[in-house]
Amino acid sequence: MRWKDGSGVKWRLRQQRLAWPRWVKPEVAFEHAPSGLGDDPISAIIALPFLLVFAVMTPFWLAELLLRLLLAPLAAVLRLAGVIPYRLRLYKAGRLTGSYAAHGHGELVRLRRQLVQRGPAGDGR
């Protein structure tokens, strides 16, 4: 959700979609990727760290993906019941100004409305 306030400042409200943060991040393997590979044997040696990290991390990525897919319906029910909170982050002009947690869908709707209409507490809007 994005909007501008009366003074033209850009705001953005983002909701964390997953019930928990990612544990395994694919960026780790790609940080080790070489910029270019040629036909020479040195290129294969340079690519070895990337290939090793990629080979080790791929089963973990797949296991986490499978776990997320299996637990997604349960997490959705627990969020609606208020057991797992909805996480919201408010950005002002591209900078994080606050993190909020709403327990249950009704509180999520009220919190969104409050943040869009009045901004975060103490903001003076």
C-alpha atoms as a PDB file:
ATOM      1  CA  MET A   1       0.000   0.000   0.000  1.00  0.00           C
ATOM      2  CA  ARG A   2       1.510   3.367  -1.026  1.00  0.00           C
ATOM      3  CA  TRP A   3       0.300   6.934  -0.573  1.00  0.00           C
ATOM      4  CA  LYS A   4       1.444  10.547  -0.216  1.00  0.00           C
ATOM      5  CA  ASP A   5       0.530  12.699   2.738  1.00  0.00           C
ATOM      6  CA  GLY A   6      -0.552  16.344   2.546  1.00  0.00           C
ATOM      7  CA  SER A   7       3.047  17.585   2.402  1.00  0.00           C
ATOM      8  CA  GLY A   8       3.958  15.225  -0.461  1.00  0.00           C
ATOM      9  CA  VAL A   9       5.977  12.734   1.591  1.00  0.00           C
ATOM     10  CA  LYS A  10       5.765   9.204   0.187  1.00  0.00           C
ATOM     11  CA  TRP A  11       4.635   6.456   2.570  1.00  0.00           C
ATOM     12  CA  ARG A  12       4.585   2.697   2.052  1.00  0.00           C
ATOM     13  CA  LEU A  13       3.015   0.017   4.230  1.00  0.00           C
ATOM     14  CA  ARG A  14       4.288  -3.517   3.651  1.00  0.00           C
ATOM     15  CA  GLN A  15       2.873  -6.683   5.138  1.00  0.00           C
ATOM     16  CA  GLN A  16       5.122  -9.688   5.730  1.00  0.00           C
ATOM     17  CA  ARG A  17       3.447 -12.456   3.752  1.00  0.00           C
ATOM     18  CA  LEU A  18       5.153 -15.441   5.334  1.00  0.00           C
ATOM     19  CA  ALA A  19       4.447 -16.585   8.862  1.00  0.00           C
ATOM     20  CA  TRP A  20       8.167 -16.732   9.678  1.00  0.00           C
ATOM     21  CA  PRO A  21      11.309 -15.258   8.122  1.00  0.00           C
ATOM     22  CA  ARG A  22      13.304 -17.274   5.620  1.00  0.00           C
ATOM     23  CA  TRP A  23      15.987 -19.448   7.169  1.00  0.00           C
ATOM     24  CA  VAL A  24      17.841 -20.432   4.008  1.00  0.00           C
ATOM     25  CA  LYS A  25      18.634 -17.580   1.666  1.00  0.00           C
ATOM     26  CA  PRO A  26      19.551 -18.411  -1.943  1.00  0.00           C
ATOM     27  CA  GLU A  27      21.590 -15.217  -2.232  1.00  0.00           C
ATOM     28  CA  VAL A  28      24.393 -16.931  -0.283  1.00  0.00           C
ATOM     29  CA  ALA A  29      25.250 -19.236  -3.177  1.00  0.00           C
ATOM     30  CA  PHE A  30      24.976 -16.534  -5.820  1.00  0.00           C
ATOM     31  CA  GLU A  31      27.431 -14.324  -3.931  1.00  0.00           C
ATOM     32  CA  HIS A  32      30.039 -16.984  -4.730  1.00  0.00           C
ATOM     33  CA  ALA A  33      29.164 -17.180  -8.432  1.00  0.00           C
ATOM     34  CA  PRO A  34      31.960 -16.167 -10.789  1.00  0.00           C
ATOM     35  CA  SER A  35      31.272 -13.282 -13.133  1.00  0.00           C
ATOM     36  CA  GLY A  36      32.158 -15.216 -16.279  1.00  0.00           C
ATOM     37  CA  LEU A  37      33.296 -18.653 -17.316  1.00  0.00           C
ATOM     38  CA  GLY A  38      35.429 -19.509 -20.285  1.00  0.00           C
ATOM     39  CA  ASP A  39      36.630 -22.715 -21.883  1.00  0.00           C
ATOM     40  CA  ASP A  40      39.872 -22.854 -19.948  1.00  0.00           C
ATOM     41  CA  PRO A  41      40.441 -25.143 -16.905  1.00  0.00           C
ATOM     42  CA  ILE A  42      41.017 -22.174 -14.601  1.00  0.00           C
ATOM     43  CA  SER A  43      37.372 -21.112 -15.076  1.00  0.00           C
ATOM     44  CA  ALA A  44      36.212 -24.458 -13.720  1.00  0.00           C
ATOM     45  CA  ILE A  45      38.447 -24.045 -10.676  1.00  0.00           C
ATOM     46  CA  ILE A  46      37.093 -20.548 -10.107  1.00  0.00           C
ATOM     47  CA  ALA A  47      33.521 -21.897 -10.318  1.00  0.00           C
ATOM     48  CA  LEU A  48      34.097 -24.664  -7.738  1.00  0.00           C
ATOM     49  CA  PRO A  49      33.149 -22.617  -4.621  1.00  0.00           C
ATOM     50  CA  PHE A  50      29.856 -21.594  -6.246  1.00  0.00           C
ATOM     51  CA  LEU A  51      29.074 -25.148  -7.342  1.00  0.00           C
ATOM     52  CA  LEU A  52      29.841 -26.541  -3.896  1.00  0.00           C
ATOM     53  CA  VAL A  53      27.733 -23.974  -2.060  1.00  0.00           C
ATOM     54  CA  PHE A  54      24.929 -24.390  -4.581  1.00  0.00           C
ATOM     55  CA  ALA A  55      25.022 -28.209  -4.258  1.00  0.00           C
ATOM     56  CA  VAL A  56      24.892 -28.030  -0.467  1.00  0.00           C
ATOM     57  CA  MET A  57      22.222 -25.317  -0.245  1.00  0.00           C
ATOM     58  CA  THR A  58      19.774 -26.688  -2.849  1.00  0.00           C
ATOM     59  CA  PRO A  59      18.428 -29.532  -0.653  1.00  0.00           C
ATOM     60  CA  PHE A  60      17.940 -27.063   2.210  1.00  0.00           C
ATOM     61  CA  TRP A  61      16.049 -24.630  -0.053  1.00  0.00           C
ATOM     62  CA  LEU A  62      13.825 -27.426  -1.311  1.00  0.00           C
ATOM     63  CA  ALA A  63      13.171 -28.745   2.199  1.00  0.00           C
ATOM     64  CA  GLU A  64      12.245 -25.263   3.442  1.00  0.00           C
ATOM     65  CA  LEU A  65       9.972 -24.697   0.437  1.00  0.00           C
ATOM     66  CA  LEU A  66       8.207 -28.003   1.056  1.00  0.00           C
ATOM     67  CA  LEU A  67       7.817 -27.184   4.748  1.00  0.00           C
ATOM     68  CA  ARG A  68       6.344 -23.775   3.916  1.00  0.00           C
ATOM     69  CA  LEU A  69       3.892 -25.291   1.430  1.00  0.00           C
ATOM     70  CA  LEU A  70       2.759 -27.903   3.921  1.00  0.00           C
ATOM     71  CA  LEU A  71       2.388 -25.462   6.816  1.00  0.00           C
ATOM     72  CA  ALA A  72       0.862 -22.539   4.875  1.00  0.00           C
ATOM     73  CA  PRO A  73      -2.793 -23.550   5.497  1.00  0.00           C
ATOM     74  CA  LEU A  74      -2.127 -24.069   9.201  1.00  0.00           C
ATOM     75  CA  ALA A  75      -0.296 -20.724   9.430  1.00  0.00           C
ATOM     76  CA  ALA A  76      -3.229 -18.975   7.706  1.00  0.00           C
ATOM     77  CA  VAL A  77      -5.707 -20.406  10.218  1.00  0.00           C
ATOM     78  CA  LEU A  78      -3.449 -19.481  13.150  1.00  0.00           C
ATOM     79  CA  ARG A  79      -3.113 -15.928  11.812  1.00  0.00           C
ATOM     80  CA  LEU A  80      -6.873 -15.539  11.498  1.00  0.00           C
ATOM     81  CA  ALA A  81      -7.250 -16.831  15.051  1.00  0.00           C
ATOM     82  CA  GLY A  82      -4.690 -14.332  16.302  1.00  0.00           C
ATOM     83  CA  VAL A  83      -2.104 -16.895  17.434  1.00  0.00           C
ATOM     84  CA  ILE A  84       0.495 -15.838  14.838  1.00  0.00           C
ATOM     85  CA  PRO A  85       0.570 -12.048  14.366  1.00  0.00           C
ATOM     86  CA  TYR A  86       0.450 -10.241  11.055  1.00  0.00           C
ATOM     87  CA  ARG A  87       3.639  -8.180  10.665  1.00  0.00           C
ATOM     88  CA  LEU A  88       3.504  -4.715   9.120  1.00  0.00           C
ATOM     89  CA  ARG A  89       6.356  -2.342   8.325  1.00  0.00           C
ATOM     90  CA  LEU A  90       5.849   1.351   7.682  1.00  0.00           C
ATOM     91  CA  TYR A  91       8.276   3.270   5.464  1.00  0.00           C
ATOM     92  CA  LYS A  92       8.463   7.041   5.133  1.00  0.00           C
ATOM     93  CA  ALA A  93      10.379   8.352   2.116  1.00  0.00           C
ATOM     94  CA  GLY A  94      12.006   4.947   1.697  1.00  0.00           C
ATOM     95  CA  ARG A  95      13.156   4.588   5.322  1.00  0.00           C
ATOM     96  CA  LEU A  96      11.697   2.200   7.861  1.00  0.00           C
ATOM     97  CA  THR A  97       9.862   4.197  10.538  1.00  0.00           C
ATOM     98  CA  GLY A  98       8.085   1.453  12.449  1.00  0.00           C
ATOM     99  CA  SER A  99       7.185  -2.212  12.734  1.00  0.00           C
ATOM    100  CA  TYR A 100       3.792  -3.330  13.965  1.00  0.00           C
ATOM    101  CA  ALA A 101       2.132  -6.626  14.849  1.00  0.00           C
ATOM    102  CA  ALA A 102      -1.604  -7.238  14.584  1.00  0.00           C
ATOM    103  CA  HIS A 103      -3.207 -10.266  16.237  1.00  0.00           C
ATOM    104  CA  GLY A 104      -6.165 -11.366  14.135  1.00  0.00           C
ATOM    105  CA  HIS A 105      -7.647 -10.060  10.904  1.00  0.00           C
ATOM    106  CA  GLY A 106      -9.863  -7.453  12.568  1.00  0.00           C
ATOM    107  CA  GLU A 107      -6.916  -5.842  14.321  1.00  0.00           C
ATOM    108  CA  LEU A 108      -4.959  -5.938  11.036  1.00  0.00           C
ATOM    109  CA  VAL A 109      -7.688  -3.975   9.242  1.00  0.00           C
ATOM    110  CA  ARG A 110      -7.900  -1.420  12.096  1.00  0.00           C
ATOM    111  CA  LEU A 111      -4.123  -0.997  12.220  1.00  0.00           C
ATOM    112  CA  ARG A 112      -3.868  -0.467   8.457  1.00  0.00           C
ATOM    113  CA  ARG A 113      -6.637   2.123   8.562  1.00  0.00           C
ATOM    114  CA  GLN A 114      -5.021   3.916  11.507  1.00  0.00           C
ATOM    115  CA  LEU A 115      -1.585   4.029   9.885  1.00  0.00           C
ATOM    116  CA  VAL A 116      -2.896   5.302   6.562  1.00  0.00           C
ATOM    117  CA  GLN A 117      -5.161   7.965   8.089  1.00  0.00           C
ATOM    118  CA  ARG A 118      -3.025   9.248  10.956  1.00  0.00           C
ATOM    119  CA  GLY A 119       0.452   7.809  10.426  1.00  0.00           C
ATOM    120  CA  PRO A 120       2.420   6.193  13.218  1.00  0.00           C
ATOM    121  CA  ALA A 121       1.954   7.358  16.805  1.00  0.00           C
ATOM    122  CA  GLY A 122       3.844  10.536  17.541  1.00  0.00           C
ATOM    123  CA  ASP A 123       4.237  11.473  13.888  1.00  0.00           C
ATOM    124  CA  GLY A 124       2.087  14.585  14.170  1.00  0.00           C
ATOM    125  CA  ARG A 125      -0.107  13.816  11.198  1.00  0.00           C
END
